[in-house]
PDB file of all heavy atoms in Angstrom:
ATOM      1  N   GLN A   1      -7.456  -5.692  20.793  1.00  0.00           N
ATOM      2  CA  GLN A   1      -6.067  -5.630  20.208  1.00  0.00           C
ATOM      3  C   GLN A   1      -6.316  -5.635  18.618  1.00  0.00           C
ATOM      4  O   GLN A   1      -5.486  -4.862  17.914  1.00  0.00           O
ATOM      5  CB  GLN A   1      -5.221  -6.830  20.558  1.00  0.00           C
ATOM      6  CG  GLN A   1      -4.684  -6.806  22.029  1.00  0.00           C
ATOM      7  CD  GLN A   1      -5.708  -7.030  23.074  1.00  0.00           C
ATOM      8  OE1 GLN A   1      -6.833  -7.467  22.768  1.00  0.00           O
ATOM      9  NE2 GLN A   1      -5.429  -6.645  24.320  1.00  0.00           N
ATOM     10  N   VAL A   2      -7.212  -6.372  18.102  1.00  0.00           N
ATOM     11  CA  VAL A   2      -7.429  -6.438  16.692  1.00  0.00           C
ATOM     12  C   VAL A   2      -7.823  -5.049  16.083  1.00  0.00           C
ATOM     13  O   VAL A   2      -7.299  -4.585  15.105  1.00  0.00           O
ATOM     14  CB  VAL A   2      -8.444  -7.462  16.269  1.00  0.00           C
ATOM     15  CG1 VAL A   2      -8.881  -7.416  14.812  1.00  0.00           C
ATOM     16  CG2 VAL A   2      -7.956  -8.890  16.628  1.00  0.00           C
ATOM     17  N   VAL A   3      -8.645  -4.399  16.774  1.00  0.00           N
ATOM     18  CA  VAL A   3      -9.145  -3.039  16.426  1.00  0.00           C
ATOM     19  C   VAL A   3      -8.055  -1.991  16.458  1.00  0.00           C
ATOM     20  O   VAL A   3      -7.808  -1.257  15.536  1.00  0.00           O
ATOM     21  CB  VAL A   3     -10.306  -2.600  17.326  1.00  0.00           C
ATOM     22  CG1 VAL A   3     -10.688  -1.122  16.993  1.00  0.00           C
ATOM     23  CG2 VAL A   3     -11.577  -3.471  17.114  1.00  0.00           C
ATOM     24  N   ASP A   4      -7.164  -2.025  17.538  1.00  0.00           N
ATOM     25  CA  ASP A   4      -6.130  -1.119  17.702  1.00  0.00           C
ATOM     26  C   ASP A   4      -5.063  -1.370  16.635  1.00  0.00           C
ATOM     27  O   ASP A   4      -4.591  -0.419  16.059  1.00  0.00           O
ATOM     28  CB  ASP A   4      -5.576  -1.278  19.098  1.00  0.00           C
ATOM     29  CG  ASP A   4      -6.524  -0.705  20.186  1.00  0.00           C
ATOM     30  OD1 ASP A   4      -7.350  -0.026  19.945  1.00  0.00           O
ATOM     31  OD2 ASP A   4      -6.221  -1.123  21.355  1.00  0.00           O
ATOM     32  N   VAL A   5      -4.726  -2.594  16.387  1.00  0.00           N
ATOM     33  CA  VAL A   5      -3.679  -2.965  15.412  1.00  0.00           C
ATOM     34  C   VAL A   5      -4.132  -2.522  14.048  1.00  0.00           C
ATOM     35  O   VAL A   5      -3.400  -2.036  13.209  1.00  0.00           O
ATOM     36  CB  VAL A   5      -3.298  -4.462  15.505  1.00  0.00           C
ATOM     37  CG1 VAL A   5      -2.435  -4.860  14.300  1.00  0.00           C
ATOM     38  CG2 VAL A   5      -2.580  -4.764  16.739  1.00  0.00           C
ATOM     39  N   ALA A   6      -5.356  -2.856  13.732  1.00  0.00           N
ATOM     40  CA  ALA A   6      -5.950  -2.509  12.362  1.00  0.00           C
ATOM     41  C   ALA A   6      -5.843  -1.013  12.110  1.00  0.00           C
ATOM     42  O   ALA A   6      -5.523  -0.501  11.090  1.00  0.00           O
ATOM     43  CB  ALA A   6      -7.411  -3.097  12.188  1.00  0.00           C
ATOM     44  N   ALA A   7      -6.313  -0.264  13.093  1.00  0.00           N
ATOM     45  CA  ALA A   7      -6.347   1.179  13.045  1.00  0.00           C
ATOM     46  C   ALA A   7      -4.964   1.816  12.835  1.00  0.00           C
ATOM     47  O   ALA A   7      -4.634   2.689  12.078  1.00  0.00           O
ATOM     48  CB  ALA A   7      -7.024   1.797  14.278  1.00  0.00           C
ATOM     49  N   ALA A   8      -3.980   1.194  13.614  1.00  0.00           N
ATOM     50  CA  ALA A   8      -2.622   1.568  13.516  1.00  0.00           C
ATOM     51  C   ALA A   8      -2.003   1.143  12.195  1.00  0.00           C
ATOM     52  O   ALA A   8      -1.233   2.064  11.566  1.00  0.00           O
ATOM     53  CB  ALA A   8      -1.717   0.928  14.663  1.00  0.00           C
ATOM     54  N   ALA A   9      -2.365   0.046  11.581  1.00  0.00           N
ATOM     55  CA  ALA A   9      -1.832  -0.341  10.295  1.00  0.00           C
ATOM     56  C   ALA A   9      -2.342   0.597   9.199  1.00  0.00           C
ATOM     57  O   ALA A   9      -1.576   0.951   8.318  1.00  0.00           O
ATOM     58  CB  ALA A   9      -2.317  -1.776  10.031  1.00  0.00           C
ATOM     59  N   VAL A  10      -3.609   1.101   9.387  1.00  0.00           N
ATOM     60  CA  VAL A  10      -4.047   2.052   8.326  1.00  0.00           C
ATOM     61  C   VAL A  10      -3.296   3.369   8.379  1.00  0.00           C
ATOM     62  O   VAL A  10      -3.030   3.918   7.418  1.00  0.00           O
ATOM     63  CB  VAL A  10      -5.538   2.297   8.645  1.00  0.00           C
ATOM     64  CG1 VAL A  10      -6.122   3.472   7.771  1.00  0.00           C
ATOM     65  CG2 VAL A  10      -6.401   1.091   8.365  1.00  0.00           C
ATOM     66  N   ARG A  11      -2.961   3.749   9.543  1.00  0.00           N
ATOM     67  CA  ARG A  11      -2.179   4.990   9.687  1.00  0.00           C
ATOM     68  C   ARG A  11      -0.794   4.749   9.081  1.00  0.00           C
ATOM     69  O   ARG A  11      -0.237   5.758   8.518  1.00  0.00           O
ATOM     70  CB  ARG A  11      -2.032   5.429  11.176  1.00  0.00           C
ATOM     71  CG  ARG A  11      -3.379   5.948  11.821  1.00  0.00           C
ATOM     72  CD  ARG A  11      -3.088   6.592  13.124  1.00  0.00           C
ATOM     73  NE  ARG A  11      -2.558   5.673  14.143  1.00  0.00           N
ATOM     74  CZ  ARG A  11      -3.335   4.945  15.027  1.00  0.00           C
ATOM     75  NH1 ARG A  11      -4.693   5.054  14.969  1.00  0.00           N
ATOM     76  NH2 ARG A  11      -2.779   4.274  15.819  1.00  0.00           N
ATOM     77  N   VAL A  12      -0.181   3.691   9.372  1.00  0.00           N
ATOM     78  CA  VAL A  12       1.123   3.494   8.792  1.00  0.00           C
ATOM     79  C   VAL A  12       1.107   3.403   7.219  1.00  0.00           C
ATOM     80  O   VAL A  12       2.077   3.884   6.610  1.00  0.00           O
ATOM     81  CB  VAL A  12       1.737   2.114   9.366  1.00  0.00           C
ATOM     82  CG1 VAL A  12       3.001   1.739   8.666  1.00  0.00           C
ATOM     83  CG2 VAL A  12       2.017   2.227  10.819  1.00  0.00           C
ATOM     84  N   TRP A  13       0.009   2.751   6.701  1.00  0.00           N
ATOM     85  CA  TRP A  13      -0.069   2.745   5.180  1.00  0.00           C
ATOM     86  C   TRP A  13      -0.331   4.111   4.610  1.00  0.00           C
ATOM     87  O   TRP A  13       0.253   4.510   3.595  1.00  0.00           O
ATOM     88  CB  TRP A  13      -1.332   1.815   4.919  1.00  0.00           C
ATOM     89  CG  TRP A  13      -1.015   0.371   4.722  1.00  0.00           C
ATOM     90  CD1 TRP A  13      -1.321  -0.600   5.726  1.00  0.00           C
ATOM     91  CD2 TRP A  13      -0.277  -0.271   3.636  1.00  0.00           C
ATOM     92  NE1 TRP A  13      -0.798  -1.885   5.278  1.00  0.00           N
ATOM     93  CE2 TRP A  13      -0.219  -1.656   3.993  1.00  0.00           C
ATOM     94  CE3 TRP A  13       0.308   0.086   2.460  1.00  0.00           C
ATOM     95  CZ2 TRP A  13       0.537  -2.660   3.237  1.00  0.00           C
ATOM     96  CZ3 TRP A  13       0.949  -0.854   1.705  1.00  0.00           C
ATOM     97  CH2 TRP A  13       0.971  -2.193   2.058  1.00  0.00           C
ATOM     98  N   THR A  14      -1.208   4.910   5.313  1.00  0.00           N
ATOM     99  CA  THR A  14      -1.455   6.281   4.686  1.00  0.00           C
ATOM    100  C   THR A  14      -0.409   7.265   4.971  1.00  0.00           C
ATOM    101  O   THR A  14      -0.213   8.211   4.178  1.00  0.00           O
ATOM    102  CB  THR A  14      -2.861   6.762   5.246  1.00  0.00           C
ATOM    103  OG1 THR A  14      -2.755   6.763   6.749  1.00  0.00           O
ATOM    104  CG2 THR A  14      -3.991   5.768   4.793  1.00  0.00           C
ATOM    105  N   ARG A  15       0.199   7.163   6.187  1.00  0.00           N
ATOM    106  CA  ARG A  15       1.313   8.133   6.473  1.00  0.00           C
ATOM    107  C   ARG A  15       2.484   7.477   7.040  1.00  0.00           C
ATOM    108  O   ARG A  15       2.682   7.499   8.299  1.00  0.00           O
ATOM    109  CB  ARG A  15       0.755   9.174   7.538  1.00  0.00           C
ATOM    110  CG  ARG A  15      -0.394  10.109   6.928  1.00  0.00           C
ATOM    111  CD  ARG A  15      -0.734  11.213   7.862  1.00  0.00           C
ATOM    112  NE  ARG A  15      -1.648  12.227   7.356  1.00  0.00           N
ATOM    113  CZ  ARG A  15      -2.062  13.258   7.924  1.00  0.00           C
ATOM    114  NH1 ARG A  15      -1.546  13.516   9.139  1.00  0.00           N
ATOM    115  NH2 ARG A  15      -2.884  14.057   7.364  1.00  0.00           N
ATOM    116  N   PRO A  16       3.278   6.746   6.221  1.00  0.00           N
ATOM    117  CA  PRO A  16       4.383   6.113   6.741  1.00  0.00           C
ATOM    118  C   PRO A  16       5.436   7.111   7.323  1.00  0.00           C
ATOM    119  O   PRO A  16       5.556   8.159   6.757  1.00  0.00           O
ATOM    120  CB  PRO A  16       4.991   5.352   5.487  1.00  0.00           C
ATOM    121  CG  PRO A  16       4.445   6.204   4.334  1.00  0.00           C
ATOM    122  CD  PRO A  16       3.089   6.818   4.815  1.00  0.00           C
ATOM    123  N   SER A  17       6.282   6.597   8.222  1.00  0.00           N
ATOM    124  CA  SER A  17       7.239   7.444   8.910  1.00  0.00           C
ATOM    125  C   SER A  17       8.376   7.679   7.807  1.00  0.00           C
ATOM    126  O   SER A  17       8.619   6.890   6.856  1.00  0.00           O
ATOM    127  CB  SER A  17       7.885   6.693  10.042  1.00  0.00           C
ATOM    128  OG  SER A  17       6.864   6.461  11.038  1.00  0.00           O
ATOM    129  N   THR A  18       9.035   8.763   7.942  1.00  0.00           N
ATOM    130  CA  THR A  18      10.011   9.271   6.939  1.00  0.00           C
ATOM    131  C   THR A  18      11.114   8.233   6.881  1.00  0.00           C
ATOM    132  O   THR A  18      11.731   7.943   5.875  1.00  0.00           O
ATOM    133  CB  THR A  18      10.599  10.597   7.415  1.00  0.00           C
ATOM    134  OG1 THR A  18       9.572  11.517   7.425  1.00  0.00           O
ATOM    135  CG2 THR A  18      11.551  11.013   6.293  1.00  0.00           C
ATOM    136  N   HIS A  19      11.578   7.665   8.043  1.00  0.00           N
ATOM    137  CA  HIS A  19      12.739   6.744   8.066  1.00  0.00           C
ATOM    138  C   HIS A  19      12.293   5.382   7.507  1.00  0.00           C
ATOM    139  O   HIS A  19      13.221   4.638   7.191  1.00  0.00           O
ATOM    140  CB  HIS A  19      13.168   6.609   9.531  1.00  0.00           C
ATOM    141  CG  HIS A  19      12.257   5.795  10.358  1.00  0.00           C
ATOM    142  ND1 HIS A  19      11.066   6.383  10.948  1.00  0.00           N
ATOM    143  CD2 HIS A  19      12.260   4.482  10.789  1.00  0.00           C
ATOM    144  CE1 HIS A  19      10.497   5.495  11.624  1.00  0.00           C
ATOM    145  NE2 HIS A  19      11.133   4.337  11.571  1.00  0.00           N
ATOM    146  N   LEU A  20      11.077   5.168   7.201  1.00  0.00           N
ATOM    147  CA  LEU A  20      10.591   3.923   6.577  1.00  0.00           C
ATOM    148  C   LEU A  20      10.372   4.112   5.021  1.00  0.00           C
ATOM    149  O   LEU A  20      10.006   3.182   4.402  1.00  0.00           O
ATOM    150  CB  LEU A  20       9.347   3.401   7.144  1.00  0.00           C
ATOM    151  CG  LEU A  20       9.487   2.956   8.602  1.00  0.00           C
ATOM    152  CD1 LEU A  20       8.134   2.515   9.112  1.00  0.00           C
ATOM    153  CD2 LEU A  20      10.502   1.738   8.704  1.00  0.00           C
ATOM    154  N   HIS A  21      10.646   5.348   4.540  1.00  0.00           N
ATOM    155  CA  HIS A  21      10.369   5.570   3.092  1.00  0.00           C
ATOM    156  C   HIS A  21      11.493   4.689   2.304  1.00  0.00           C
ATOM    157  O   HIS A  21      12.685   4.804   2.428  1.00  0.00           O
ATOM    158  CB  HIS A  21      10.545   7.013   2.755  1.00  0.00           C
ATOM    159  CG  HIS A  21       9.387   7.833   3.193  1.00  0.00           C
ATOM    160  ND1 HIS A  21       9.316   9.117   3.018  1.00  0.00           N
ATOM    161  CD2 HIS A  21       8.183   7.433   3.767  1.00  0.00           C
ATOM    162  CE1 HIS A  21       8.103   9.639   3.486  1.00  0.00           C
ATOM    163  NE2 HIS A  21       7.502   8.584   3.933  1.00  0.00           N
ATOM    164  N   ASP A  22      10.894   3.889   1.396  1.00  0.00           N
ATOM    165  CA  ASP A  22      11.776   3.198   0.463  1.00  0.00           C
ATOM    166  C   ASP A  22      11.112   3.461  -0.948  1.00  0.00           C
ATOM    167  O   ASP A  22      10.228   2.841  -1.417  1.00  0.00           O
ATOM    168  CB  ASP A  22      11.568   1.579   0.688  1.00  0.00           C
ATOM    169  CG  ASP A  22      12.339   0.793  -0.314  1.00  0.00           C
ATOM    170  OD1 ASP A  22      13.132   1.413  -1.112  1.00  0.00           O
ATOM    171  OD2 ASP A  22      12.136  -0.434  -0.404  1.00  0.00           O
ATOM    172  N   ARG A  23      11.687   4.516  -1.522  1.00  0.00           N
ATOM    173  CA  ARG A  23      11.027   5.037  -2.753  1.00  0.00           C
ATOM    174  C   ARG A  23      11.037   4.100  -3.877  1.00  0.00           C
ATOM    175  O   ARG A  23      10.049   3.918  -4.674  1.00  0.00           O
ATOM    176  CB  ARG A  23      11.708   6.407  -3.126  1.00  0.00           C
ATOM    177  CG  ARG A  23      11.389   7.498  -2.122  1.00  0.00           C
ATOM    178  CD  ARG A  23      12.308   8.607  -2.283  1.00  0.00           C
ATOM    179  NE  ARG A  23      11.974   9.661  -1.221  1.00  0.00           N
ATOM    180  CZ  ARG A  23      12.823  10.600  -0.912  1.00  0.00           C
ATOM    181  NH1 ARG A  23      13.982  10.677  -1.365  1.00  0.00           N
ATOM    182  NH2 ARG A  23      12.545  11.387   0.131  1.00  0.00           N
ATOM    183  N   THR A  24      12.199   3.386  -4.111  1.00  0.00           N
ATOM    184  CA  THR A  24      12.290   2.434  -5.125  1.00  0.00           C
ATOM    185  C   THR A  24      11.217   1.219  -4.848  1.00  0.00           C
ATOM    186  O   THR A  24      10.426   0.850  -5.767  1.00  0.00           O
ATOM    187  CB  THR A  24      13.656   1.728  -5.187  1.00  0.00           C
ATOM    188  OG1 THR A  24      14.587   2.785  -5.563  1.00  0.00           O
ATOM    189  CG2 THR A  24      13.672   0.676  -6.301  1.00  0.00           C
ATOM    190  N   GLY A  25      11.177   0.862  -3.661  1.00  0.00           N
ATOM    191  CA  GLY A  25      10.229  -0.290  -3.331  1.00  0.00           C
ATOM    192  C   GLY A  25       8.785   0.247  -3.427  1.00  0.00           C
ATOM    193  O   GLY A  25       7.892  -0.475  -3.917  1.00  0.00           O
ATOM    194  N   ARG A  26       8.540   1.460  -3.128  1.00  0.00           N
ATOM    195  CA  ARG A  26       7.171   2.042  -3.257  1.00  0.00           C
ATOM    196  C   ARG A  26       6.736   2.039  -4.716  1.00  0.00           C
ATOM    197  O   ARG A  26       5.604   1.701  -5.046  1.00  0.00           O
ATOM    198  CB  ARG A  26       7.148   3.524  -2.669  1.00  0.00           C
ATOM    199  CG  ARG A  26       5.870   4.148  -2.739  1.00  0.00           C
ATOM    200  CD  ARG A  26       4.767   3.516  -2.052  1.00  0.00           C
ATOM    201  NE  ARG A  26       3.886   2.749  -2.884  1.00  0.00           N
ATOM    202  CZ  ARG A  26       2.975   1.885  -2.493  1.00  0.00           C
ATOM    203  NH1 ARG A  26       2.760   1.715  -1.225  1.00  0.00           N
ATOM    204  NH2 ARG A  26       2.233   1.286  -3.370  1.00  0.00           N
ATOM    205  N   MET A  27       7.654   2.634  -5.649  1.00  0.00           N
ATOM    206  CA  MET A  27       7.365   2.603  -6.952  1.00  0.00           C
ATOM    207  C   MET A  27       7.169   1.226  -7.621  1.00  0.00           C
ATOM    208  O   MET A  27       6.129   1.022  -8.481  1.00  0.00           O
ATOM    209  CB  MET A  27       8.384   3.374  -7.813  1.00  0.00           C
ATOM    210  CG  MET A  27       8.433   4.830  -7.477  1.00  0.00           C
ATOM    211  SD  MET A  27       9.589   5.780  -8.508  1.00  0.00           S
ATOM    212  CE  MET A  27      11.144   5.418  -7.794  1.00  0.00           C
ATOM    213  N   CYS A  28       8.014   0.261  -7.219  1.00  0.00           N
ATOM    214  CA  CYS A  28       7.728  -1.114  -7.625  1.00  0.00           C
ATOM    215  C   CYS A  28       6.415  -1.665  -7.274  1.00  0.00           C
ATOM    216  O   CYS A  28       5.620  -2.317  -7.993  1.00  0.00           O
ATOM    217  CB  CYS A  28       8.808  -2.013  -7.112  1.00  0.00           C
ATOM    218  SG  CYS A  28      10.377  -1.955  -7.987  1.00  0.00           S
ATOM    219  N   THR A  29       6.069  -1.388  -5.953  1.00  0.00           N
ATOM    220  CA  THR A  29       4.821  -1.821  -5.509  1.00  0.00           C
ATOM    221  C   THR A  29       3.578  -1.160  -6.238  1.00  0.00           C
ATOM    222  O   THR A  29       2.547  -1.857  -6.537  1.00  0.00           O
ATOM    223  CB  THR A  29       4.662  -1.533  -3.983  1.00  0.00           C
ATOM    224  OG1 THR A  29       5.676  -2.118  -3.262  1.00  0.00           O
ATOM    225  CG2 THR A  29       3.234  -1.848  -3.412  1.00  0.00           C
ATOM    226  N   THR A  30       3.788   0.130  -6.586  1.00  0.00           N
ATOM    227  CA  THR A  30       2.722   0.813  -7.374  1.00  0.00           C
ATOM    228  C   THR A  30       2.559   0.202  -8.706  1.00  0.00           C
ATOM    229  O   THR A  30       1.460  -0.044  -9.128  1.00  0.00           O
ATOM    230  CB  THR A  30       3.113   2.274  -7.489  1.00  0.00           C
ATOM    231  OG1 THR A  30       3.048   2.986  -6.254  1.00  0.00           O
ATOM    232  CG2 THR A  30       2.112   2.976  -8.501  1.00  0.00           C
ATOM    233  N   VAL A  31       3.645  -0.169  -9.452  1.00  0.00           N
ATOM    234  CA  VAL A  31       3.519  -0.644 -10.747  1.00  0.00           C
ATOM    235  C   VAL A  31       2.907  -2.097 -10.614  1.00  0.00           C
ATOM    236  O   VAL A  31       2.013  -2.424 -11.526  1.00  0.00           O
ATOM    237  CB  VAL A  31       4.985  -0.757 -11.329  1.00  0.00           C
ATOM    238  CG1 VAL A  31       4.913  -1.569 -12.635  1.00  0.00           C
ATOM    239  CG2 VAL A  31       5.548   0.615 -11.610  1.00  0.00           C
ATOM    240  N   ALA A  32       3.295  -2.893  -9.574  1.00  0.00           N
ATOM    241  CA  ALA A  32       2.740  -4.156  -9.548  1.00  0.00           C
ATOM    242  C   ALA A  32       1.146  -4.106  -9.078  1.00  0.00           C
ATOM    243  O   ALA A  32       0.369  -4.799  -9.719  1.00  0.00           O
ATOM    244  CB  ALA A  32       3.492  -4.948  -8.444  1.00  0.00           C
ATOM    245  N   VAL A  33       0.883  -3.279  -8.149  1.00  0.00           N
ATOM    246  CA  VAL A  33      -0.524  -3.222  -7.621  1.00  0.00           C
ATOM    247  C   VAL A  33      -1.421  -2.648  -8.796  1.00  0.00           C
ATOM    248  O   VAL A  33      -2.520  -3.038  -8.933  1.00  0.00           O
ATOM    249  CB  VAL A  33      -0.579  -2.373  -6.343  1.00  0.00           C
ATOM    250  CG1 VAL A  33      -2.030  -2.010  -6.018  1.00  0.00           C
ATOM    251  CG2 VAL A  33       0.054  -2.956  -5.228  1.00  0.00           C
ATOM    252  N   THR A  34      -0.877  -1.635  -9.464  1.00  0.00           N
ATOM    253  CA  THR A  34      -1.685  -1.061 -10.531  1.00  0.00           C
ATOM    254  C   THR A  34      -1.930  -2.023 -11.616  1.00  0.00           C
ATOM    255  O   THR A  34      -3.106  -2.118 -12.174  1.00  0.00           O
ATOM    256  CB  THR A  34      -0.933   0.167 -11.144  1.00  0.00           C
ATOM    257  OG1 THR A  34      -0.683   1.208  -9.995  1.00  0.00           O
ATOM    258  CG2 THR A  34      -1.780   0.869 -12.179  1.00  0.00           C
ATOM    259  N   LEU A  35      -1.018  -2.916 -11.882  1.00  0.00           N
ATOM    260  CA  LEU A  35      -1.216  -3.938 -12.949  1.00  0.00           C
ATOM    261  C   LEU A  35      -2.351  -4.874 -12.467  1.00  0.00           C
ATOM    262  O   LEU A  35      -3.274  -5.180 -13.264  1.00  0.00           O
ATOM    263  CB  LEU A  35       0.104  -4.635 -13.257  1.00  0.00           C
ATOM    264  CG  LEU A  35      -0.114  -5.808 -14.250  1.00  0.00           C
ATOM    265  CD1 LEU A  35      -0.524  -5.368 -15.605  1.00  0.00           C
ATOM    266  CD2 LEU A  35       1.208  -6.664 -14.295  1.00  0.00           C
ATOM    267  N   CYS A  36      -2.275  -5.335 -11.271  1.00  0.00           N
ATOM    268  CA  CYS A  36      -3.281  -6.265 -10.706  1.00  0.00           C
ATOM    269  C   CYS A  36      -4.666  -5.560 -10.693  1.00  0.00           C
ATOM    270  O   CYS A  36      -5.680  -6.159 -11.162  1.00  0.00           O
ATOM    271  CB  CYS A  36      -2.857  -6.698  -9.306  1.00  0.00           C
ATOM    272  SG  CYS A  36      -1.367  -7.701  -9.245  1.00  0.00           S
ATOM    273  N   ALA A  37      -4.751  -4.282 -10.238  1.00  0.00           N
ATOM    274  CA  ALA A  37      -6.022  -3.608 -10.123  1.00  0.00           C
ATOM    275  C   ALA A  37      -6.553  -3.293 -11.620  1.00  0.00           C
ATOM    276  O   ALA A  37      -7.746  -3.459 -11.931  1.00  0.00           O
ATOM    277  CB  ALA A  37      -5.891  -2.292  -9.424  1.00  0.00           C
ATOM    278  N   TRP A  38      -5.558  -2.930 -12.443  1.00  0.00           N
ATOM    279  CA  TRP A  38      -5.957  -2.664 -13.898  1.00  0.00           C
ATOM    280  C   TRP A  38      -6.491  -3.919 -14.541  1.00  0.00           C
ATOM    281  O   TRP A  38      -7.479  -3.889 -15.267  1.00  0.00           O
ATOM    282  CB  TRP A  38      -4.834  -2.088 -14.670  1.00  0.00           C
ATOM    283  CG  TRP A  38      -5.192  -1.757 -16.068  1.00  0.00           C
ATOM    284  CD1 TRP A  38      -5.773  -0.664 -16.529  1.00  0.00           C
ATOM    285  CD2 TRP A  38      -5.073  -2.676 -17.202  1.00  0.00           C
ATOM    286  NE1 TRP A  38      -5.963  -0.776 -17.930  1.00  0.00           N
ATOM    287  CE2 TRP A  38      -5.588  -2.009 -18.321  1.00  0.00           C
ATOM    288  CE3 TRP A  38      -4.689  -4.005 -17.380  1.00  0.00           C
ATOM    289  CZ2 TRP A  38      -5.603  -2.458 -19.567  1.00  0.00           C
ATOM    290  CZ3 TRP A  38      -4.740  -4.636 -18.569  1.00  0.00           C
ATOM    291  CH2 TRP A  38      -5.206  -3.891 -19.674  1.00  0.00           C
ATOM    292  N   THR A  39      -5.867  -5.025 -14.267  1.00  0.00           N
ATOM    293  CA  THR A  39      -6.330  -6.276 -14.849  1.00  0.00           C
ATOM    294  C   THR A  39      -7.775  -6.663 -14.371  1.00  0.00           C
ATOM    295  O   THR A  39      -8.656  -7.055 -15.211  1.00  0.00           O
ATOM    296  CB  THR A  39      -5.386  -7.424 -14.424  1.00  0.00           C
ATOM    297  OG1 THR A  39      -4.162  -7.101 -14.976  1.00  0.00           O
ATOM    298  CG2 THR A  39      -5.925  -8.764 -15.123  1.00  0.00           C
ATOM    299  N   ALA A  40      -8.030  -6.352 -13.133  1.00  0.00           N
ATOM    300  CA  ALA A  40      -9.426  -6.628 -12.602  1.00  0.00           C
ATOM    301  C   ALA A  40     -10.392  -5.591 -13.235  1.00  0.00           C
ATOM    302  O   ALA A  40     -11.518  -6.055 -13.677  1.00  0.00           O
ATOM    303  CB  ALA A  40      -9.479  -6.526 -11.139  1.00  0.00           C
ATOM    304  N   LEU A  41      -9.969  -4.385 -13.427  1.00  0.00           N
ATOM    305  CA  LEU A  41     -10.893  -3.342 -13.977  1.00  0.00           C
ATOM    306  C   LEU A  41     -11.094  -3.669 -15.394  1.00  0.00           C
ATOM    307  O   LEU A  41     -12.158  -3.627 -16.050  1.00  0.00           O
ATOM    308  CB  LEU A  41     -10.204  -1.877 -13.890  1.00  0.00           C
ATOM    309  CG  LEU A  41     -10.186  -1.411 -12.524  1.00  0.00           C
ATOM    310  CD1 LEU A  41      -9.241  -0.119 -12.453  1.00  0.00           C
ATOM    311  CD2 LEU A  41     -11.563  -1.029 -11.989  1.00  0.00           C
ATOM    312  N   ALA A  42      -9.955  -4.160 -16.143  1.00  0.00           N
ATOM    313  CA  ALA A  42     -10.157  -4.494 -17.565  1.00  0.00           C
ATOM    314  C   ALA A  42     -11.132  -5.728 -17.749  1.00  0.00           C
ATOM    315  O   ALA A  42     -11.889  -5.773 -18.767  1.00  0.00           O
ATOM    316  CB  ALA A  42      -8.715  -4.838 -18.162  1.00  0.00           C
ATOM    317  N   ALA A  43     -10.991  -6.718 -16.816  1.00  0.00           N
ATOM    318  CA  ALA A  43     -11.856  -7.968 -16.906  1.00  0.00           C
ATOM    319  C   ALA A  43     -13.256  -7.456 -16.799  1.00  0.00           C
ATOM    320  O   ALA A  43     -14.242  -7.915 -17.512  1.00  0.00           O
ATOM    321  CB  ALA A  43     -11.460  -8.897 -15.854  1.00  0.00           C
ATOM    322  N   GLY A  44     -13.525  -6.494 -15.800  1.00  0.00           N
ATOM    323  CA  GLY A  44     -14.859  -6.103 -15.643  1.00  0.00           C
ATOM    324  C   GLY A  44     -15.379  -5.198 -16.880  1.00  0.00           C
ATOM    325  O   GLY A  44     -16.520  -5.348 -17.251  1.00  0.00           O
TER     326      GLY A  44
END
C-alpha cells in the first residue's frame, strides 16, 4: 500500500487533474517554495 500510494502521489503532483487546478494556490505555493529553496541555496 505504501508503494502504491507513493507512486500515485507522484503522479498527482506531476500531472494533477484539470478539475483540481487551483492556479492562484499554485502560484502562491511556487513563490513560497521558491523562497524556501532559494534560502537554502543562498545559505550554501
